[in-house]
């Protein structure tokens, strides 16, 4: 089970700076998702920046329901220790 996300900051080029409950930080690249299904709306930079924490689920989401599981975010984020 992956740690929950406790902070999210949208970055340029469809990336998110994430902080996890275990103190690790990393960058998750959403660019491979923004051309697929419900994630197409994330192509709009203004909408992409509306990302918010979804504390109850330990993850992030956007106003129209797009989200990623904590596992997807943690396992695919480029963690600071990986850099």
N, C-alpha and C. Protein backbone atom coordinates (compact mmCIF):
# COMPACT_ATOMS: atom_id res chain seq x y z
N UNK A 1 0.85 -1.18 0.00
CA UNK A 1 0.00 0.00 0.00
C UNK A 1 0.89 1.24 0.00
N UNK A 2 0.63 2.13 -0.89
CA UNK A 2 1.43 3.35 -1.04
C UNK A 2 1.00 4.42 -0.06
N UNK A 3 1.91 5.33 0.29
CA UNK A 3 1.55 6.43 1.19
C UNK A 3 0.59 7.41 0.51
N UNK A 4 -0.23 8.04 1.32
CA UNK A 4 -1.17 9.04 0.82
C UNK A 4 -0.44 10.30 0.38
N UNK A 5 -1.08 11.03 -0.51
CA UNK A 5 -0.59 12.34 -0.92
C UNK A 5 -1.08 13.36 0.10
N UNK A 6 -0.18 14.22 0.57
CA UNK A 6 -0.56 15.25 1.55
C UNK A 6 -0.41 16.67 1.00
N UNK A 7 0.23 16.81 -0.17
CA UNK A 7 0.35 18.13 -0.79
C UNK A 7 0.55 17.95 -2.29
N UNK A 8 -0.05 18.85 -3.05
CA UNK A 8 0.10 18.82 -4.51
C UNK A 8 0.25 20.25 -5.02
N UNK A 9 1.18 20.43 -5.95
CA UNK A 9 1.40 21.72 -6.60
C UNK A 9 1.49 21.46 -8.10
N UNK A 10 0.61 22.08 -8.89
CA UNK A 10 0.71 21.90 -10.34
C UNK A 10 1.94 22.62 -10.89
N UNK A 11 2.62 21.97 -11.82
CA UNK A 11 3.80 22.52 -12.47
C UNK A 11 3.54 22.65 -13.97
N UNK A 12 4.48 23.22 -14.69
CA UNK A 12 4.37 23.33 -16.14
C UNK A 12 4.43 21.95 -16.78
N UNK A 13 3.98 21.88 -18.02
CA UNK A 13 4.07 20.66 -18.83
C UNK A 13 3.35 19.46 -18.23
N UNK A 14 2.21 19.72 -17.60
CA UNK A 14 1.35 18.67 -17.04
C UNK A 14 2.05 17.80 -16.00
N UNK A 15 2.83 18.45 -15.16
CA UNK A 15 3.49 17.74 -14.07
C UNK A 15 2.94 18.23 -12.74
N UNK A 16 3.03 17.35 -11.75
CA UNK A 16 2.57 17.67 -10.40
C UNK A 16 3.69 17.41 -9.41
N UNK A 17 3.95 18.39 -8.56
CA UNK A 17 4.88 18.19 -7.44
C UNK A 17 4.05 17.63 -6.29
N UNK A 18 4.46 16.46 -5.80
CA UNK A 18 3.69 15.77 -4.76
C UNK A 18 4.53 15.59 -3.51
N UNK A 19 3.86 15.67 -2.37
CA UNK A 19 4.46 15.31 -1.09
C UNK A 19 3.60 14.18 -0.53
N UNK A 20 4.27 13.12 -0.08
CA UNK A 20 3.58 11.96 0.46
C UNK A 20 3.66 11.96 1.98
N UNK A 21 2.75 11.23 2.62
CA UNK A 21 2.67 11.24 4.09
C UNK A 21 3.93 10.72 4.76
N UNK A 22 4.76 9.98 4.05
CA UNK A 22 6.01 9.48 4.62
C UNK A 22 7.15 10.49 4.49
N UNK A 23 6.83 11.69 3.97
CA UNK A 23 7.82 12.76 3.83
C UNK A 23 8.52 12.80 2.49
N UNK A 24 8.34 11.75 1.67
CA UNK A 24 8.98 11.75 0.36
C UNK A 24 8.29 12.75 -0.56
N UNK A 25 9.08 13.31 -1.47
CA UNK A 25 8.57 14.26 -2.46
C UNK A 25 8.95 13.76 -3.84
N UNK A 26 8.10 14.07 -4.81
CA UNK A 26 8.40 13.66 -6.17
C UNK A 26 7.57 14.42 -7.17
N UNK A 27 7.85 14.16 -8.44
CA UNK A 27 7.13 14.79 -9.54
C UNK A 27 6.45 13.70 -10.36
N UNK A 28 5.15 13.85 -10.55
CA UNK A 28 4.37 12.93 -11.36
C UNK A 28 4.04 13.61 -12.68
N UNK A 29 4.36 12.95 -13.76
CA UNK A 29 4.14 13.49 -15.11
C UNK A 29 2.82 12.96 -15.65
N UNK A 30 1.85 13.86 -15.82
CA UNK A 30 0.53 13.48 -16.33
C UNK A 30 0.45 13.49 -17.85
N UNK A 31 1.51 13.92 -18.52
CA UNK A 31 1.44 14.15 -19.97
C UNK A 31 1.05 12.91 -20.77
N UNK A 32 1.38 11.73 -20.30
CA UNK A 32 1.01 10.53 -21.04
C UNK A 32 -0.47 10.19 -20.90
N UNK A 33 -1.16 10.83 -19.99
CA UNK A 33 -2.57 10.56 -19.75
C UNK A 33 -3.51 11.58 -20.40
N UNK A 34 -3.04 12.80 -20.68
CA UNK A 34 -3.93 13.89 -21.07
C UNK A 34 -4.55 13.74 -22.45
N UNK A 35 -4.22 12.70 -23.16
CA UNK A 35 -4.82 12.46 -24.48
C UNK A 35 -5.76 11.26 -24.45
N UNK A 36 -6.10 10.79 -23.24
CA UNK A 36 -6.90 9.58 -23.09
C UNK A 36 -8.17 9.84 -22.31
N UNK A 37 -9.29 9.41 -22.84
CA UNK A 37 -10.56 9.38 -22.12
C UNK A 37 -10.88 10.61 -21.31
N UNK A 38 -11.24 10.36 -20.04
CA UNK A 38 -11.66 11.46 -19.17
C UNK A 38 -10.53 12.44 -18.86
N UNK A 39 -9.30 12.05 -19.12
CA UNK A 39 -8.17 12.92 -18.82
C UNK A 39 -7.93 13.99 -19.89
N UNK A 40 -8.61 13.91 -21.03
CA UNK A 40 -8.41 14.89 -22.11
C UNK A 40 -8.64 16.32 -21.62
N UNK A 41 -9.54 16.49 -20.69
CA UNK A 41 -9.83 17.83 -20.17
C UNK A 41 -8.60 18.45 -19.48
N UNK A 42 -7.67 17.62 -19.04
CA UNK A 42 -6.46 18.12 -18.38
C UNK A 42 -5.51 18.81 -19.35
N UNK A 43 -5.78 18.71 -20.65
CA UNK A 43 -4.96 19.42 -21.64
C UNK A 43 -5.07 20.93 -21.45
N UNK A 44 -6.21 21.39 -20.96
CA UNK A 44 -6.43 22.81 -20.69
C UNK A 44 -5.63 23.18 -19.44
N UNK A 45 -4.61 24.00 -19.62
CA UNK A 45 -3.70 24.35 -18.52
C UNK A 45 -4.44 24.97 -17.33
N UNK A 46 -5.44 25.81 -17.59
CA UNK A 46 -6.20 26.42 -16.49
C UNK A 46 -6.92 25.35 -15.68
N UNK A 47 -7.53 24.40 -16.38
CA UNK A 47 -8.23 23.32 -15.68
C UNK A 47 -7.22 22.42 -14.95
N UNK A 48 -6.11 22.11 -15.57
CA UNK A 48 -5.09 21.27 -14.95
C UNK A 48 -4.65 21.85 -13.61
N UNK A 49 -4.55 23.18 -13.54
CA UNK A 49 -4.11 23.85 -12.32
C UNK A 49 -5.17 23.84 -11.21
N UNK A 50 -6.35 23.33 -11.51
CA UNK A 50 -7.42 23.23 -10.50
C UNK A 50 -7.29 21.97 -9.65
N UNK A 51 -6.21 21.23 -9.81
CA UNK A 51 -6.00 20.01 -9.04
C UNK A 51 -6.08 20.31 -7.55
N UNK A 52 -6.61 19.36 -6.80
CA UNK A 52 -6.76 19.54 -5.36
C UNK A 52 -6.55 18.22 -4.63
N UNK A 53 -6.23 18.32 -3.37
CA UNK A 53 -6.11 17.12 -2.54
C UNK A 53 -7.48 16.51 -2.32
N UNK A 54 -7.52 15.21 -2.31
CA UNK A 54 -8.73 14.47 -1.96
C UNK A 54 -8.34 13.66 -0.73
N UNK A 55 -8.36 14.33 0.40
CA UNK A 55 -7.82 13.76 1.64
C UNK A 55 -8.47 12.44 2.03
N UNK A 56 -9.77 12.32 1.85
CA UNK A 56 -10.48 11.10 2.24
C UNK A 56 -9.96 9.87 1.49
N UNK A 57 -9.48 10.07 0.28
CA UNK A 57 -8.98 8.97 -0.54
C UNK A 57 -7.45 8.91 -0.57
N UNK A 58 -6.80 9.92 0.03
CA UNK A 58 -5.35 9.94 0.06
C UNK A 58 -4.70 10.24 -1.27
N UNK A 59 -5.43 10.95 -2.12
CA UNK A 59 -4.94 11.21 -3.47
C UNK A 59 -5.29 12.63 -3.91
N UNK A 60 -5.34 12.83 -5.20
CA UNK A 60 -5.68 14.13 -5.79
C UNK A 60 -6.84 13.95 -6.74
N UNK A 61 -7.48 15.07 -7.11
CA UNK A 61 -8.55 15.01 -8.10
C UNK A 61 -8.78 16.39 -8.68
N UNK A 62 -9.54 16.41 -9.76
CA UNK A 62 -9.95 17.65 -10.41
C UNK A 62 -11.45 17.79 -10.27
N UNK A 63 -11.98 19.00 -10.50
CA UNK A 63 -13.41 19.27 -10.26
C UNK A 63 -14.39 18.35 -10.98
N UNK A 64 -14.04 17.83 -12.14
CA UNK A 64 -14.97 16.97 -12.88
C UNK A 64 -14.74 15.49 -12.64
N UNK A 65 -13.99 15.15 -11.59
CA UNK A 65 -13.87 13.77 -11.16
C UNK A 65 -12.64 13.00 -11.60
N UNK A 66 -11.78 13.60 -12.40
CA UNK A 66 -10.55 12.90 -12.78
C UNK A 66 -9.69 12.72 -11.53
N UNK A 67 -9.11 11.54 -11.41
CA UNK A 67 -8.21 11.29 -10.28
C UNK A 67 -7.22 10.19 -10.63
N UNK A 68 -6.23 10.04 -9.77
CA UNK A 68 -5.25 8.96 -9.88
C UNK A 68 -5.20 8.27 -8.52
N UNK A 69 -4.98 6.98 -8.52
CA UNK A 69 -4.87 6.27 -7.24
C UNK A 69 -3.56 6.66 -6.57
N UNK A 70 -3.51 6.56 -5.24
CA UNK A 70 -2.25 6.83 -4.55
C UNK A 70 -1.13 5.91 -5.05
N UNK A 71 -1.46 4.67 -5.38
CA UNK A 71 -0.45 3.74 -5.88
C UNK A 71 0.14 4.23 -7.20
N UNK A 72 -0.71 4.68 -8.12
CA UNK A 72 -0.23 5.18 -9.41
C UNK A 72 0.69 6.37 -9.21
N UNK A 73 0.29 7.28 -8.35
CA UNK A 73 1.09 8.48 -8.11
C UNK A 73 2.44 8.14 -7.49
N UNK A 74 2.43 7.31 -6.46
CA UNK A 74 3.67 7.00 -5.75
C UNK A 74 4.61 6.15 -6.61
N UNK A 75 4.07 5.13 -7.24
CA UNK A 75 4.92 4.22 -8.01
C UNK A 75 5.48 4.84 -9.28
N UNK A 76 4.80 5.86 -9.81
CA UNK A 76 5.22 6.47 -11.07
C UNK A 76 5.84 7.86 -10.90
N UNK A 77 5.83 8.38 -9.70
CA UNK A 77 6.46 9.69 -9.47
C UNK A 77 7.96 9.53 -9.49
N UNK A 78 8.62 10.54 -10.02
CA UNK A 78 10.08 10.58 -9.94
C UNK A 78 10.41 11.19 -8.59
N UNK A 79 10.77 10.33 -7.64
CA UNK A 79 11.03 10.78 -6.28
C UNK A 79 12.37 11.49 -6.20
N UNK A 80 12.48 12.41 -5.26
CA UNK A 80 13.73 13.17 -5.10
C UNK A 80 14.93 12.25 -4.97
N UNK A 81 14.75 11.11 -4.32
CA UNK A 81 15.85 10.17 -4.16
C UNK A 81 16.26 9.50 -5.48
N UNK A 82 15.34 9.55 -6.47
CA UNK A 82 15.61 8.96 -7.79
C UNK A 82 16.38 9.90 -8.71
N UNK A 83 16.42 11.18 -8.34
CA UNK A 83 17.01 12.17 -9.24
C UNK A 83 18.51 12.16 -9.19
